[in-house]
Amino acid sequence: MATNACKFLCLVLLFAFVTQGYGDDSYSLESLSVIQSKTGNMVENKPEWEVKVLNSSPCYFTHTTLSCVRFKSVTPIDSKVLSKSGDTCLLGNGDSIHDISFKYVWDTSFDLKVVDGYIACS
């Protein structure tokens, strides 16, 4: 009788893990959010913007890219934090990131969205 109860409990736990998305598959790019705000600083009569890419999962992301159509900045941005290639920007030099931020200076904010990346859970 105890063996049947153990088998049943094991099946219930297995089913719970599978249906709850246990493991790396339970996190996705939707775990990353892009938040922009003005810092209050002005450079060459243009506002400075701070961008934060925040991660709500415990995992890290690699090769994370943003859509950054027509992105420009009056001030340089460290290429180890953000590097632009066409209409795509690579975050953190492609390395593992959890949360990352950078600042840029332009008249208006840009519509920056996460478009790609790989989940790196350990």
PDB file of N, CA and C in Angstrom:
ATOM      1  N   MET A   1       0.817  -1.190   0.000  1.00  0.00           N
ATOM      2  CA  MET A   1       0.000   0.000   0.000  1.00  0.00           C
ATOM      3  C   MET A   1       0.862   1.256   0.000  1.00  0.00           C
ATOM      4  N   ALA A   2       1.924   1.240   0.813  1.00  0.00           N
ATOM      5  CA  ALA A   2       2.814   2.400   0.866  1.00  0.00           C
ATOM      6  C   ALA A   2       3.490   2.624  -0.481  1.00  0.00           C
ATOM      7  N   THR A   3       3.769   1.565  -1.212  1.00  0.00           N
ATOM      8  CA  THR A   3       4.415   1.693  -2.524  1.00  0.00           C
ATOM      9  C   THR A   3       3.486   2.383  -3.519  1.00  0.00           C
ATOM     10  N   ASN A   4       2.210   2.044  -3.505  1.00  0.00           N
ATOM     11  CA  ASN A   4       1.248   2.687  -4.401  1.00  0.00           C
ATOM     12  C   ASN A   4       1.109   4.175  -4.079  1.00  0.00           C
ATOM     13  N   ALA A   5       1.091   4.493  -2.793  1.00  0.00           N
ATOM     14  CA  ALA A   5       0.989   5.889  -2.377  1.00  0.00           C
ATOM     15  C   ALA A   5       2.231   6.672  -2.832  1.00  0.00           C
ATOM     16  N   CYS A   6       3.397   6.051  -2.734  1.00  0.00           N
ATOM     17  CA  CYS A   6       4.645   6.688  -3.167  1.00  0.00           C
ATOM     18  C   CYS A   6       4.637   6.920  -4.673  1.00  0.00           C
ATOM     19  N   LYS A   7       4.196   5.901  -5.431  1.00  0.00           N
ATOM     20  CA  LYS A   7       4.117   6.042  -6.885  1.00  0.00           C
ATOM     21  C   LYS A   7       3.159   7.165  -7.273  1.00  0.00           C
ATOM     22  N   PHE A   8       2.019   7.215  -6.591  1.00  0.00           N
ATOM     23  CA  PHE A   8       1.023   8.242  -6.876  1.00  0.00           C
ATOM     24  C   PHE A   8       1.593   9.635  -6.591  1.00  0.00           C
ATOM     25  N   LEU A   9       2.262   9.781  -5.442  1.00  0.00           N
ATOM     26  CA  LEU A   9       2.854  11.063  -5.075  1.00  0.00           C
ATOM     27  C   LEU A   9       3.919  11.471  -6.085  1.00  0.00           C
ATOM     28  N   CYS A  10       4.740  10.535  -6.514  1.00  0.00           N
ATOM     29  CA  CYS A  10       5.770  10.837  -7.513  1.00  0.00           C
ATOM     30  C   CYS A  10       5.144  11.285  -8.824  1.00  0.00           C
ATOM     31  N   LEU A  11       4.087  10.637  -9.251  1.00  0.00           N
ATOM     32  CA  LEU A  11       3.399  11.029 -10.485  1.00  0.00           C
ATOM     33  C   LEU A  11       2.790  12.426 -10.368  1.00  0.00           C
ATOM     34  N   VAL A  12       2.195  12.710  -9.216  1.00  0.00           N
ATOM     35  CA  VAL A  12       1.601  14.037  -9.001  1.00  0.00           C
ATOM     36  C   VAL A  12       2.685  15.105  -9.060  1.00  0.00           C
ATOM     37  N   LEU A  13       3.817  14.874  -8.401  1.00  0.00           N
ATOM     38  CA  LEU A  13       4.908  15.849  -8.422  1.00  0.00           C
ATOM     39  C   LEU A  13       5.476  16.021  -9.823  1.00  0.00           C
ATOM     40  N   LEU A  14       5.667  14.939 -10.541  1.00  0.00           N
ATOM     41  CA  LEU A  14       6.157  15.021 -11.908  1.00  0.00           C
ATOM     42  C   LEU A  14       5.202  15.826 -12.772  1.00  0.00           C
ATOM     43  N   PHE A  15       3.925  15.534 -12.666  1.00  0.00           N
ATOM     44  CA  PHE A  15       2.916  16.271 -13.434  1.00  0.00           C
ATOM     45  C   PHE A  15       2.940  17.754 -13.081  1.00  0.00           C
ATOM     46  N   ALA A  16       3.079  18.083 -11.797  1.00  0.00           N
ATOM     47  CA  ALA A  16       3.113  19.480 -11.358  1.00  0.00           C
ATOM     48  C   ALA A  16       4.314  20.206 -11.962  1.00  0.00           C
ATOM     49  N   PHE A  17       5.479  19.568 -11.966  1.00  0.00           N
ATOM     50  CA  PHE A  17       6.674  20.189 -12.550  1.00  0.00           C
ATOM     51  C   PHE A  17       6.513  20.410 -14.047  1.00  0.00           C
ATOM     52  N   VAL A  18       5.976  19.450 -14.744  1.00  0.00           N
ATOM     53  CA  VAL A  18       5.812  19.552 -16.194  1.00  0.00           C
ATOM     54  C   VAL A  18       4.807  20.641 -16.544  1.00  0.00           C
ATOM     55  N   THR A  19       3.667  20.684 -15.859  1.00  0.00           N
ATOM     56  CA  THR A  19       2.632  21.662 -16.202  1.00  0.00           C
ATOM     57  C   THR A  19       2.985  23.067 -15.745  1.00  0.00           C
ATOM     58  N   GLN A  20       3.851  23.200 -14.777  1.00  0.00           N
ATOM     59  CA  GLN A  20       4.253  24.523 -14.303  1.00  0.00           C
ATOM     60  C   GLN A  20       5.453  25.066 -15.065  1.00  0.00           C
ATOM     61  N   GLY A  21       5.975  24.330 -16.016  1.00  0.00           N
ATOM     62  CA  GLY A  21       7.118  24.814 -16.779  1.00  0.00           C
ATOM     63  C   GLY A  21       8.394  24.788 -15.977  1.00  0.00           C
ATOM     64  N   TYR A  22       8.560  23.776 -15.152  1.00  0.00           N
ATOM     65  CA  TYR A  22       9.764  23.664 -14.322  1.00  0.00           C
ATOM     66  C   TYR A  22      11.001  23.626 -15.205  1.00  0.00           C
ATOM     67  N   GLY A  23      11.989  24.427 -14.863  1.00  0.00           N
ATOM     68  CA  GLY A  23      13.246  24.441 -15.607  1.00  0.00           C
ATOM     69  C   GLY A  23      13.391  25.721 -16.408  1.00  0.00           C
ATOM     70  N   ASP A  24      14.381  25.738 -17.299  1.00  0.00           N
ATOM     71  CA  ASP A  24      14.734  26.927 -18.065  1.00  0.00           C
ATOM     72  C   ASP A  24      13.613  27.425 -18.966  1.00  0.00           C
ATOM     73  N   ASP A  25      12.740  26.523 -19.427  1.00  0.00           N
ATOM     74  CA  ASP A  25      11.695  26.912 -20.360  1.00  0.00           C
ATOM     75  C   ASP A  25      10.657  27.839 -19.751  1.00  0.00           C
ATOM     76  N   SER A  26      10.628  27.971 -18.433  1.00  0.00           N
ATOM     77  CA  SER A  26       9.610  28.801 -17.807  1.00  0.00           C
ATOM     78  C   SER A  26       9.948  30.289 -17.905  1.00  0.00           C
ATOM     79  N   TYR A  27      11.120  30.622 -18.374  1.00  0.00           N
ATOM     80  CA  TYR A  27      11.520  32.016 -18.533  1.00  0.00           C
ATOM     81  C   TYR A  27      11.723  32.307 -20.006  1.00  0.00           C
ATOM     82  N   SER A  28      11.441  33.531 -20.396  1.00  0.00           N
ATOM     83  CA  SER A  28      11.579  33.904 -21.793  1.00  0.00           C
ATOM     84  C   SER A  28      12.023  35.355 -21.885  1.00  0.00           C
ATOM     85  N   LEU A  29      12.129  35.849 -23.101  1.00  0.00           N
ATOM     86  CA  LEU A  29      12.496  37.251 -23.304  1.00  0.00           C
ATOM     87  C   LEU A  29      11.486  38.201 -22.670  1.00  0.00           C
ATOM     88  N   GLU A  30      10.276  37.707 -22.428  1.00  0.00           N
ATOM     89  CA  GLU A  30       9.266  38.531 -21.757  1.00  0.00           C
ATOM     90  C   GLU A  30       9.664  38.850 -20.325  1.00  0.00           C
ATOM     91  N   SER A  31      10.684  38.159 -19.804  1.00  0.00           N
ATOM     92  CA  SER A  31      11.206  38.460 -18.469  1.00  0.00           C
ATOM     93  C   SER A  31      12.000  39.761 -18.463  1.00  0.00           C
ATOM     94  N   LEU A  32      12.379  40.229 -19.653  1.00  0.00           N
ATOM     95  CA  LEU A  32      13.154  41.470 -19.769  1.00  0.00           C
ATOM     96  C   LEU A  32      12.236  42.631 -20.108  1.00  0.00           C
ATOM     97  N   SER A  33      12.376  43.726 -19.381  1.00  0.00           N
ATOM     98  CA  SER A  33      11.598  44.925 -19.691  1.00  0.00           C
ATOM     99  C   SER A  33      12.546  46.109 -19.862  1.00  0.00           C
ATOM    100  N   VAL A  34      12.189  46.997 -20.770  1.00  0.00           N
ATOM    101  CA  VAL A  34      12.983  48.187 -21.050  1.00  0.00           C
ATOM    102  C   VAL A  34      12.244  49.389 -20.477  1.00  0.00           C
ATOM    103  N   ILE A  35      12.925  50.121 -19.580  1.00  0.00           N
ATOM    104  CA  ILE A  35      12.343  51.303 -18.960  1.00  0.00           C
ATOM    105  C   ILE A  35      13.241  52.493 -19.264  1.00  0.00           C
ATOM    106  N   GLN A  36      12.645  53.574 -19.757  1.00  0.00           N
ATOM    107  CA  GLN A  36      13.406  54.784 -20.067  1.00  0.00           C
ATOM    108  C   GLN A  36      12.839  55.957 -19.283  1.00  0.00           C
ATOM    109  N   SER A  37      13.732  56.829 -18.849  1.00  0.00           N
ATOM    110  CA  SER A  37      13.295  58.043 -18.169  1.00  0.00           C
ATOM    111  C   SER A  37      14.349  59.134 -18.346  1.00  0.00           C
ATOM    112  N   LYS A  38      13.896  60.372 -18.280  1.00  0.00           N
ATOM    113  CA  LYS A  38      14.818  61.509 -18.327  1.00  0.00           C
ATOM    114  C   LYS A  38      15.554  61.594 -17.003  1.00  0.00           C
ATOM    115  N   THR A  39      16.855  61.907 -17.076  1.00  0.00           N
ATOM    116  CA  THR A  39      17.641  62.035 -15.844  1.00  0.00           C
ATOM    117  C   THR A  39      17.534  63.431 -15.249  1.00  0.00           C
ATOM    118  N   GLY A  40      17.119  64.415 -16.055  1.00  0.00           N
ATOM    119  CA  GLY A  40      17.080  65.807 -15.615  1.00  0.00           C
ATOM    120  C   GLY A  40      18.296  66.585 -16.081  1.00  0.00           C
ATOM    121  N   ASN A  41      19.322  65.896 -16.578  1.00  0.00           N
ATOM    122  CA  ASN A  41      20.510  66.551 -17.101  1.00  0.00           C
ATOM    123  C   ASN A  41      20.289  66.949 -18.557  1.00  0.00           C
ATOM    124  N   MET A  42      20.929  68.030 -18.952  1.00  0.00           N
ATOM    125  CA  MET A  42      20.870  68.506 -20.337  1.00  0.00           C
ATOM    126  C   MET A  42      22.299  68.555 -20.876  1.00  0.00           C
ATOM    127  N   VAL A  43      22.486  68.127 -22.113  1.00  0.00           N
ATOM    128  CA  VAL A  43      23.774  68.188 -22.796  1.00  0.00           C
ATOM    129  C   VAL A  43      23.501  68.774 -24.168  1.00  0.00           C
ATOM    130  N   GLU A  44      24.171  69.852 -24.494  1.00  0.00           N
ATOM    131  CA  GLU A  44      23.966  70.543 -25.765  1.00  0.00           C
ATOM    132  C   GLU A  44      22.477  70.806 -26.024  1.00  0.00           C
ATOM    133  N   ASN A  45      21.798  71.269 -24.980  1.00  0.00           N
ATOM    134  CA  ASN A  45      20.364  71.590 -25.032  1.00  0.00           C
ATOM    135  C   ASN A  45      19.481  70.392 -25.375  1.00  0.00           C
ATOM    136  N   LYS A  46      19.960  69.209 -25.098  1.00  0.00           N
ATOM    137  CA  LYS A  46      19.177  67.990 -25.310  1.00  0.00           C
ATOM    138  C   LYS A  46      19.103  67.231 -23.982  1.00  0.00           C
ATOM    139  N   PRO A  47      17.971  66.590 -23.711  1.00  0.00           N
ATOM    140  CA  PRO A  47      17.854  65.848 -22.454  1.00  0.00           C
ATOM    141  C   PRO A  47      18.643  64.539 -22.469  1.00  0.00           C
ATOM    142  N   GLU A  48      19.109  64.183 -21.290  1.00  0.00           N
ATOM    143  CA  GLU A  48      19.772  62.890 -21.119  1.00  0.00           C
ATOM    144  C   GLU A  48      18.718  61.873 -20.689  1.00  0.00           C
ATOM    145  N   TRP A  49      18.769  60.698 -21.304  1.00  0.00           N
ATOM    146  CA  TRP A  49      17.843  59.613 -21.015  1.00  0.00           C
ATOM    147  C   TRP A  49      18.588  58.451 -20.380  1.00  0.00           C
ATOM    148  N   GLU A  50      17.974  57.814 -19.401  1.00  0.00           N
ATOM    149  CA  GLU A  50      18.546  56.606 -18.826  1.00  0.00           C
ATOM    150  C   GLU A  50      17.671  55.423 -19.238  1.00  0.00           C
ATOM    151  N   VAL A  51      18.316  54.390 -19.734  1.00  0.00           N
ATOM    152  CA  VAL A  51      17.633  53.162 -20.139  1.00  0.00           C
ATOM    153  C   VAL A  51      18.037  52.062 -19.172  1.00  0.00           C
ATOM    154  N   LYS A  52      17.042  51.382 -18.644  1.00  0.00           N
ATOM    155  CA  LYS A  52      17.291  50.225 -17.784  1.00  0.00           C
ATOM    156  C   LYS A  52      16.618  49.019 -18.416  1.00  0.00           C
ATOM    157  N   VAL A  53      17.391  47.970 -18.617  1.00  0.00           N
ATOM    158  CA  VAL A  53      16.831  46.702 -19.059  1.00  0.00           C
ATOM    159  C   VAL A  53      16.825  45.818 -17.809  1.00  0.00           C
ATOM    160  N   LEU A  54      15.628  45.561 -17.311  1.00  0.00           N
ATOM    161  CA  LEU A  54      15.465  44.849 -16.051  1.00  0.00           C
ATOM    162  C   LEU A  54      14.951  43.440 -16.303  1.00  0.00           C
ATOM    163  N   ASN A  55      15.461  42.513 -15.511  1.00  0.00           N
ATOM    164  CA  ASN A  55      15.166  41.092 -15.674  1.00  0.00           C
ATOM    165  C   ASN A  55      14.382  40.607 -14.465  1.00  0.00           C
ATOM    166  N   SER A  56      13.173  40.106 -14.680  1.00  0.00           N
ATOM    167  CA  SER A  56      12.344  39.624 -13.573  1.00  0.00           C
ATOM    168  C   SER A  56      12.582  38.145 -13.244  1.00  0.00           C
ATOM    169  N   SER A  57      13.450  37.487 -14.007  1.00  0.00           N
ATOM    170  CA  SER A  57      13.725  36.067 -13.748  1.00  0.00           C
ATOM    171  C   SER A  57      15.061  35.927 -13.007  1.00  0.00           C
ATOM    172  N   PRO A  58      15.308  34.779 -12.404  1.00  0.00           N
ATOM    173  CA  PRO A  58      16.600  34.564 -11.742  1.00  0.00           C
ATOM    174  C   PRO A  58      17.712  34.220 -12.739  1.00  0.00           C
ATOM    175  N   CYS A  59      17.352  34.027 -13.993  1.00  0.00           N
ATOM    176  CA  CYS A  59      18.312  33.630 -15.019  1.00  0.00           C
ATOM    177  C   CYS A  59      19.057  34.831 -15.593  1.00  0.00           C
ATOM    178  N   TYR A  60      20.150  34.543 -16.258  1.00  0.00           N
ATOM    179  CA  TYR A  60      20.882  35.552 -17.009  1.00  0.00           C
ATOM    180  C   TYR A  60      20.538  35.384 -18.486  1.00  0.00           C
ATOM    181  N   PHE A  61      20.800  36.412 -19.258  1.00  0.00           N
ATOM    182  CA  PHE A  61      20.580  36.353 -20.700  1.00  0.00           C
ATOM    183  C   PHE A  61      21.886  36.662 -21.409  1.00  0.00           C
ATOM    184  N   THR A  62      22.120  36.010 -22.531  1.00  0.00           N
ATOM    185  CA  THR A  62      23.300  36.277 -23.348  1.00  0.00           C
ATOM    186  C   THR A  62      22.850  36.691 -24.741  1.00  0.00           C
ATOM    187  N   HIS A  63      23.738  37.359 -25.456  1.00  0.00           N
ATOM    188  CA  HIS A  63      23.477  37.810 -26.821  1.00  0.00           C
ATOM    189  C   HIS A  63      22.131  38.531 -26.924  1.00  0.00           C
ATOM    190  N   THR A  64      21.876  39.392 -25.944  1.00  0.00           N
ATOM    191  CA  THR A  64      20.608  40.114 -25.879  1.00  0.00           C
ATOM    192  C   THR A  64      20.659  41.326 -26.800  1.00  0.00           C
ATOM    193  N   THR A  65      19.650  41.434 -27.671  1.00  0.00           N
ATOM    194  CA  THR A  65      19.612  42.538 -28.619  1.00  0.00           C
ATOM    195  C   THR A  65      18.316  43.331 -28.482  1.00  0.00           C
ATOM    196  N   LEU A  66      18.449  44.614 -28.775  1.00  0.00           N
ATOM    197  CA  LEU A  66      17.315  45.529 -28.787  1.00  0.00           C
ATOM    198  C   LEU A  66      17.064  45.990 -30.210  1.00  0.00           C
ATOM    199  N   SER A  67      15.825  46.277 -30.519  1.00  0.00           N
ATOM    200  CA  SER A  67      15.504  46.987 -31.744  1.00  0.00           C
ATOM    201  C   SER A  67      15.802  48.454 -31.445  1.00  0.00           C
ATOM    202  N   CYS A  68      16.666  49.053 -32.239  1.00  0.00           N
ATOM    203  CA  CYS A  68      17.034  50.458 -31.969  1.00  0.00           C
ATOM    204  C   CYS A  68      17.099  51.234 -33.288  1.00  0.00           C
ATOM    205  N   VAL A  69      15.961  51.281 -33.950  1.00  0.00           N
ATOM    206  CA  VAL A  69      15.834  51.960 -35.240  1.00  0.00           C
ATOM    207  C   VAL A  69      16.147  53.448 -35.078  1.00  0.00           C
ATOM    208  N   ARG A  70      17.061  53.936 -35.910  1.00  0.00           N
ATOM    209  CA  ARG A  70      17.480  55.357 -35.936  1.00  0.00           C
ATOM    210  C   ARG A  70      18.073  55.841 -34.605  1.00  0.00           C
ATOM    211  N   PHE A  71      18.539  54.923 -33.766  1.00  0.00           N
ATOM    212  CA  PHE A  71      19.099  55.310 -32.465  1.00  0.00           C
ATOM    213  C   PHE A  71      20.351  56.144 -32.651  1.00  0.00           C
ATOM    214  N   LYS A  72      20.431  57.248 -31.913  1.00  0.00           N
ATOM    215  CA  LYS A  72      21.595  58.141 -31.913  1.00  0.00           C
ATOM    216  C   LYS A  72      21.783  58.706 -30.517  1.00  0.00           C
ATOM    217  N   SER A  73      22.997  59.182 -30.272  1.00  0.00           N
ATOM    218  CA  SER A  73      23.290  59.861 -29.012  1.00  0.00           C
ATOM    219  C   SER A  73      24.359  60.912 -29.254  1.00  0.00           C
ATOM    220  N   VAL A  74      24.165  62.067 -28.630  1.00  0.00           N
ATOM    221  CA  VAL A  74      25.163  63.134 -28.704  1.00  0.00           C
ATOM    222  C   VAL A  74      26.425  62.699 -27.966  1.00  0.00           C
ATOM    223  N   THR A  75      26.242  61.966 -26.884  1.00  0.00           N
ATOM    224  CA  THR A  75      27.373  61.483 -26.086  1.00  0.00           C
ATOM    225  C   THR A  75      27.668  60.028 -26.434  1.00  0.00           C
ATOM    226  N   PRO A  76      28.920  59.623 -26.374  1.00  0.00           N
ATOM    227  CA  PRO A  76      29.250  58.224 -26.685  1.00  0.00           C
ATOM    228  C   PRO A  76      28.742  57.273 -25.602  1.00  0.00           C
ATOM    229  N   ILE A  77      28.429  56.063 -26.018  1.00  0.00           N
ATOM    230  CA  ILE A  77      28.011  55.003 -25.094  1.00  0.00           C
ATOM    231  C   ILE A  77      29.069  53.910 -25.173  1.00  0.00           C
ATOM    232  N   ASP A  78      29.514  53.455 -24.028  1.00  0.00           N
ATOM    233  CA  ASP A  78      30.534  52.407 -23.964  1.00  0.00           C
ATOM    234  C   ASP A  78      30.070  51.198 -24.784  1.00  0.00           C
ATOM    235  N   SER A  79      30.867  50.789 -25.770  1.00  0.00           N
ATOM    236  CA  SER A  79      30.496  49.674 -26.644  1.00  0.00           C
ATOM    237  C   SER A  79      30.424  48.346 -25.894  1.00  0.00           C
ATOM    238  N   LYS A  80      30.980  48.275 -24.693  1.00  0.00           N
ATOM    239  CA  LYS A  80      30.857  47.066 -23.881  1.00  0.00           C
ATOM    240  C   LYS A  80      29.466  46.969 -23.250  1.00  0.00           C
ATOM    241  N   VAL A  81      28.752  48.091 -23.238  1.00  0.00           N
ATOM    242  CA  VAL A  81      27.394  48.130 -22.694  1.00  0.00           C
ATOM    243  C   VAL A  81      26.371  48.052 -23.820  1.00  0.00           C
ATOM    244  N   LEU A  82      26.587  48.846 -24.889  1.00  0.00           N
ATOM    245  CA  LEU A  82      25.651  48.894 -26.008  1.00  0.00           C
ATOM    246  C   LEU A  82      26.427  49.137 -27.293  1.00  0.00           C
ATOM    247  N   SER A  83      26.270  48.242 -28.251  1.00  0.00           N
ATOM    248  CA  SER A  83      26.901  48.454 -29.552  1.00  0.00           C
ATOM    249  C   SER A  83      25.834  48.326 -30.628  1.00  0.00           C
ATOM    250  N   LYS A  84      25.822  49.294 -31.542  1.00  0.00           N
ATOM    251  CA  LYS A  84      24.793  49.376 -32.578  1.00  0.00           C
ATOM    252  C   LYS A  84      25.314  48.813 -33.890  1.00  0.00           C
ATOM    253  N   SER A  85      24.460  48.036 -34.552  1.00  0.00           N
ATOM    254  CA  SER A  85      24.757  47.511 -35.874  1.00  0.00           C
ATOM    255  C   SER A  85      23.456  47.553 -36.675  1.00  0.00           C
ATOM    256  N   GLY A  86      23.348  48.514 -37.574  1.00  0.00           N
ATOM    257  CA  GLY A  86      22.100  48.688 -38.317  1.00  0.00           C
ATOM    258  C   GLY A  86      21.000  49.148 -37.383  1.00  0.00           C
ATOM    259  N   ASP A  87      19.888  48.450 -37.389  1.00  0.00           N
ATOM    260  CA  ASP A  87      18.754  48.796 -36.520  1.00  0.00           C
ATOM    261  C   ASP A  87      18.685  47.927 -35.277  1.00  0.00           C
ATOM    262  N   THR A  88      19.810  47.250 -34.956  1.00  0.00           N
ATOM    263  CA  THR A  88      19.870  46.362 -33.796  1.00  0.00           C
ATOM    264  C   THR A  88      21.015  46.791 -32.886  1.00  0.00           C
ATOM    265  N   CYS A  89      20.783  46.712 -31.585  1.00  0.00           N
ATOM    266  CA  CYS A  89      21.816  47.030 -30.603  1.00  0.00           C
ATOM    267  C   CYS A  89      22.062  45.820 -29.711  1.00  0.00           C
ATOM    268  N   LEU A  90      23.327  45.477 -29.531  1.00  0.00           N
ATOM    269  CA  LEU A  90      23.740  44.354 -28.686  1.00  0.00           C
ATOM    270  C   LEU A  90      24.045  44.876 -27.289  1.00  0.00           C
ATOM    271  N   LEU A  91      23.492  44.220 -26.279  1.00  0.00           N
ATOM    272  CA  LEU A  91      23.722  44.618 -24.887  1.00  0.00           C
ATOM    273  C   LEU A  91      24.864  43.816 -24.270  1.00  0.00           C
ATOM    274  N   GLY A  92      25.669  44.489 -23.468  1.00  0.00           N
ATOM    275  CA  GLY A  92      26.704  43.811 -22.684  1.00  0.00           C
ATOM    276  C   GLY A  92      27.712  43.037 -23.488  1.00  0.00           C
ATOM    277  N   ASN A  93      27.969  43.468 -24.715  1.00  0.00           N
ATOM    278  CA  ASN A  93      28.948  42.820 -25.572  1.00  0.00           C
ATOM    279  C   ASN A  93      28.595  41.362 -25.872  1.00  0.00           C
ATOM    280  N   GLY A  94      27.312  40.995 -25.682  1.00  0.00           N
ATOM    281  CA  GLY A  94      26.872  39.622 -25.909  1.00  0.00           C
ATOM    282  C   GLY A  94      27.073  38.704 -24.717  1.00  0.00           C
ATOM    283  N   ASP A  95      27.744  39.210 -23.683  1.00  0.00           N
ATOM    284  CA  ASP A  95      28.012  38.405 -22.487  1.00  0.00           C
ATOM    285  C   ASP A  95      26.760  38.255 -21.638  1.00  0.00           C
ATOM    286  N   SER A  96      26.855  37.465 -20.575  1.00  0.00           N
ATOM    287  CA  SER A  96      25.736  37.275 -19.654  1.00  0.00           C
ATOM    288  C   SER A  96      25.372  38.575 -18.969  1.00  0.00           C
ATOM    289  N   ILE A  97      24.080  38.890 -18.989  1.00  0.00           N
ATOM    290  CA  ILE A  97      23.590  40.067 -18.277  1.00  0.00           C
ATOM    291  C   ILE A  97      22.371  39.667 -17.465  1.00  0.00           C
ATOM    292  N   HIS A  98      22.135  40.391 -16.403  1.00  0.00           N
ATOM    293  CA  HIS A  98      20.872  40.257 -15.660  1.00  0.00           C
ATOM    294  C   HIS A  98      20.129  41.564 -15.811  1.00  0.00           C
ATOM    295  N   ASP A  99      20.588  42.598 -15.177  1.00  0.00           N
ATOM    296  CA  ASP A  99      20.080  43.949 -15.363  1.00  0.00           C
ATOM    297  C   ASP A  99      21.227  44.771 -15.950  1.00  0.00           C
ATOM    298  N   ILE A 100      20.887  45.718 -16.809  1.00  0.00           N
ATOM    299  CA  ILE A 100      21.921  46.558 -17.409  1.00  0.00           C
ATOM    300  C   ILE A 100      21.308  47.927 -17.682  1.00  0.00           C
ATOM    301  N   SER A 101      22.128  48.957 -17.609  1.00  0.00           N
ATOM    302  CA  SER A 101      21.619  50.304 -17.881  1.00  0.00           C
ATOM    303  C   SER A 101      22.670  51.112 -18.631  1.00  0.00           C
ATOM    304  N   PHE A 102      22.181  52.129 -19.327  1.00  0.00           N
ATOM    305  CA  PHE A 102      23.051  53.062 -20.028  1.00  0.00           C
ATOM    306  C   PHE A 102      22.306  54.371 -20.200  1.00  0.00           C
ATOM    307  N   LYS A 103      23.053  55.405 -20.543  1.00  0.00           N
ATOM    308  CA  LYS A 103      22.458  56.726 -20.758  1.00  0.00           C
ATOM    309  C   LYS A 103      22.792  57.207 -22.156  1.00  0.00           C
ATOM    310  N   TYR A 104      21.880  57.961 -22.726  1.00  0.00           N
ATOM    311  CA  TYR A 104      22.127  58.591 -24.024  1.00  0.00           C
ATOM    312  C   TYR A 104      21.513  59.973 -24.018  1.00  0.00           C
ATOM    313  N   VAL A 105      21.943  60.799 -24.966  1.00  0.00           N
ATOM    314  CA  VAL A 105      21.458  62.177 -25.062  1.00  0.00           C
ATOM    315  C   VAL A 105      20.883  62.379 -26.455  1.00  0.00           C
ATOM    316  N   TRP A 106      19.591  62.727 -26.486  1.00  0.00           N
ATOM    317  CA  TRP A 106      18.928  63.035 -27.752  1.00  0.00           C
ATOM    318  C   TRP A 106      17.651  63.817 -27.463  1.00  0.00           C
ATOM    319  N   ASP A 107      17.095  64.456 -28.488  1.00  0.00           N
ATOM    320  CA  ASP A 107      15.903  65.287 -28.298  1.00  0.00           C
ATOM    321  C   ASP A 107      14.718  64.496 -27.737  1.00  0.00           C
ATOM    322  N   THR A 108      14.522  63.299 -28.235  1.00  0.00           N
ATOM    323  CA  THR A 108      13.406  62.463 -27.794  1.00  0.00           C
ATOM    324  C   THR A 108      13.935  61.070 -27.450  1.00  0.00           C
ATOM    325  N   SER A 109      13.092  60.315 -26.776  1.00  0.00           N
ATOM    326  CA  SER A 109      13.481  58.936 -26.480  1.00  0.00           C
ATOM    327  C   SER A 109      13.264  58.082 -27.723  1.00  0.00           C
ATOM    328  N   PHE A 110      13.943  56.961 -27.769  1.00  0.00           N
ATOM    329  CA  PHE A 110      13.801  56.018 -28.872  1.00  0.00           C
ATOM    330  C   PHE A 110      12.969  54.827 -28.399  1.00  0.00           C
ATOM    331  N   ASP A 111      12.286  54.188 -29.328  1.00  0.00           N
ATOM    332  CA  ASP A 111      11.461  53.030 -29.024  1.00  0.00           C
ATOM    333  C   ASP A 111      12.350  51.787 -29.004  1.00  0.00           C
ATOM    334  N   LEU A 112      12.960  51.523 -27.866  1.00  0.00           N
ATOM    335  CA  LEU A 112      13.878  50.394 -27.705  1.00  0.00           C
ATOM    336  C   LEU A 112      13.107  49.200 -27.165  1.00  0.00           C
ATOM    337  N   LYS A 113      13.219  48.071 -27.867  1.00  0.00           N
ATOM    338  CA  LYS A 113      12.519  46.852 -27.451  1.00  0.00           C
ATOM    339  C   LYS A 113      13.467  45.663 -27.546  1.00  0.00           C
ATOM    340  N   VAL A 114      13.330  44.736 -26.589  1.00  0.00           N
ATOM    341  CA  VAL A 114      14.111  43.502 -26.629  1.00  0.00           C
ATOM    342  C   VAL A 114      13.584  42.649 -27.791  1.00  0.00           C
ATOM    343  N   VAL A 115      14.496  42.221 -28.663  1.00  0.00           N
ATOM    344  CA  VAL A 115      14.069  41.401 -29.796  1.00  0.00           C
ATOM    345  C   VAL A 115      14.685  39.994 -29.806  1.00  0.00           C
ATOM    346  N   ASP A 116      15.802  39.802 -29.088  1.00  0.00           N
ATOM    347  CA  ASP A 116      16.424  38.480 -29.123  1.00  0.00           C
ATOM    348  C   ASP A 116      17.343  38.317 -27.924  1.00  0.00           C
ATOM    349  N   GLY A 117      17.668  37.092 -27.621  1.00  0.00           N
ATOM    350  CA  GLY A 117      18.580  36.764 -26.540  1.00  0.00           C
ATOM    351  C   GLY A 117      18.425  35.302 -26.172  1.00  0.00           C
ATOM    352  N   TYR A 118      19.384  34.807 -25.431  1.00  0.00           N
ATOM    353  CA  TYR A 118      19.369  33.409 -25.000  1.00  0.00           C
ATOM    354  C   TYR A 118      19.364  33.351 -23.479  1.00  0.00           C
ATOM    355  N   ILE A 119      18.563  32.466 -22.945  1.00  0.00           N
ATOM    356  CA  ILE A 119      18.472  32.292 -21.496  1.00  0.00           C
ATOM    357  C   ILE A 119      19.622  31.428 -21.033  1.00  0.00           C
ATOM    358  N   ALA A 120      20.256  31.850 -19.942  1.00  0.00           N
ATOM    359  CA  ALA A 120      21.380  31.103 -19.361  1.00  0.00           C
ATOM    360  C   ALA A 120      21.091  30.861 -17.887  1.00  0.00           C
ATOM    361  N   CYS A 121      20.361  29.785 -17.598  1.00  0.00           N
ATOM    362  CA  CYS A 121      20.087  29.408 -16.212  1.00  0.00           C
ATOM    363  C   CYS A 121      21.073  28.324 -15.793  1.00  0.00           C
ATOM    364  N   SER A 122      21.467  28.391 -14.531  1.00  0.00           N
ATOM    365  CA  SER A 122      22.376  27.336 -14.062  1.00  0.00           C
ATOM    366  C   SER A 122      21.705  26.490 -13.013  1.00  0.00           C
TER     367      SER A 122
END
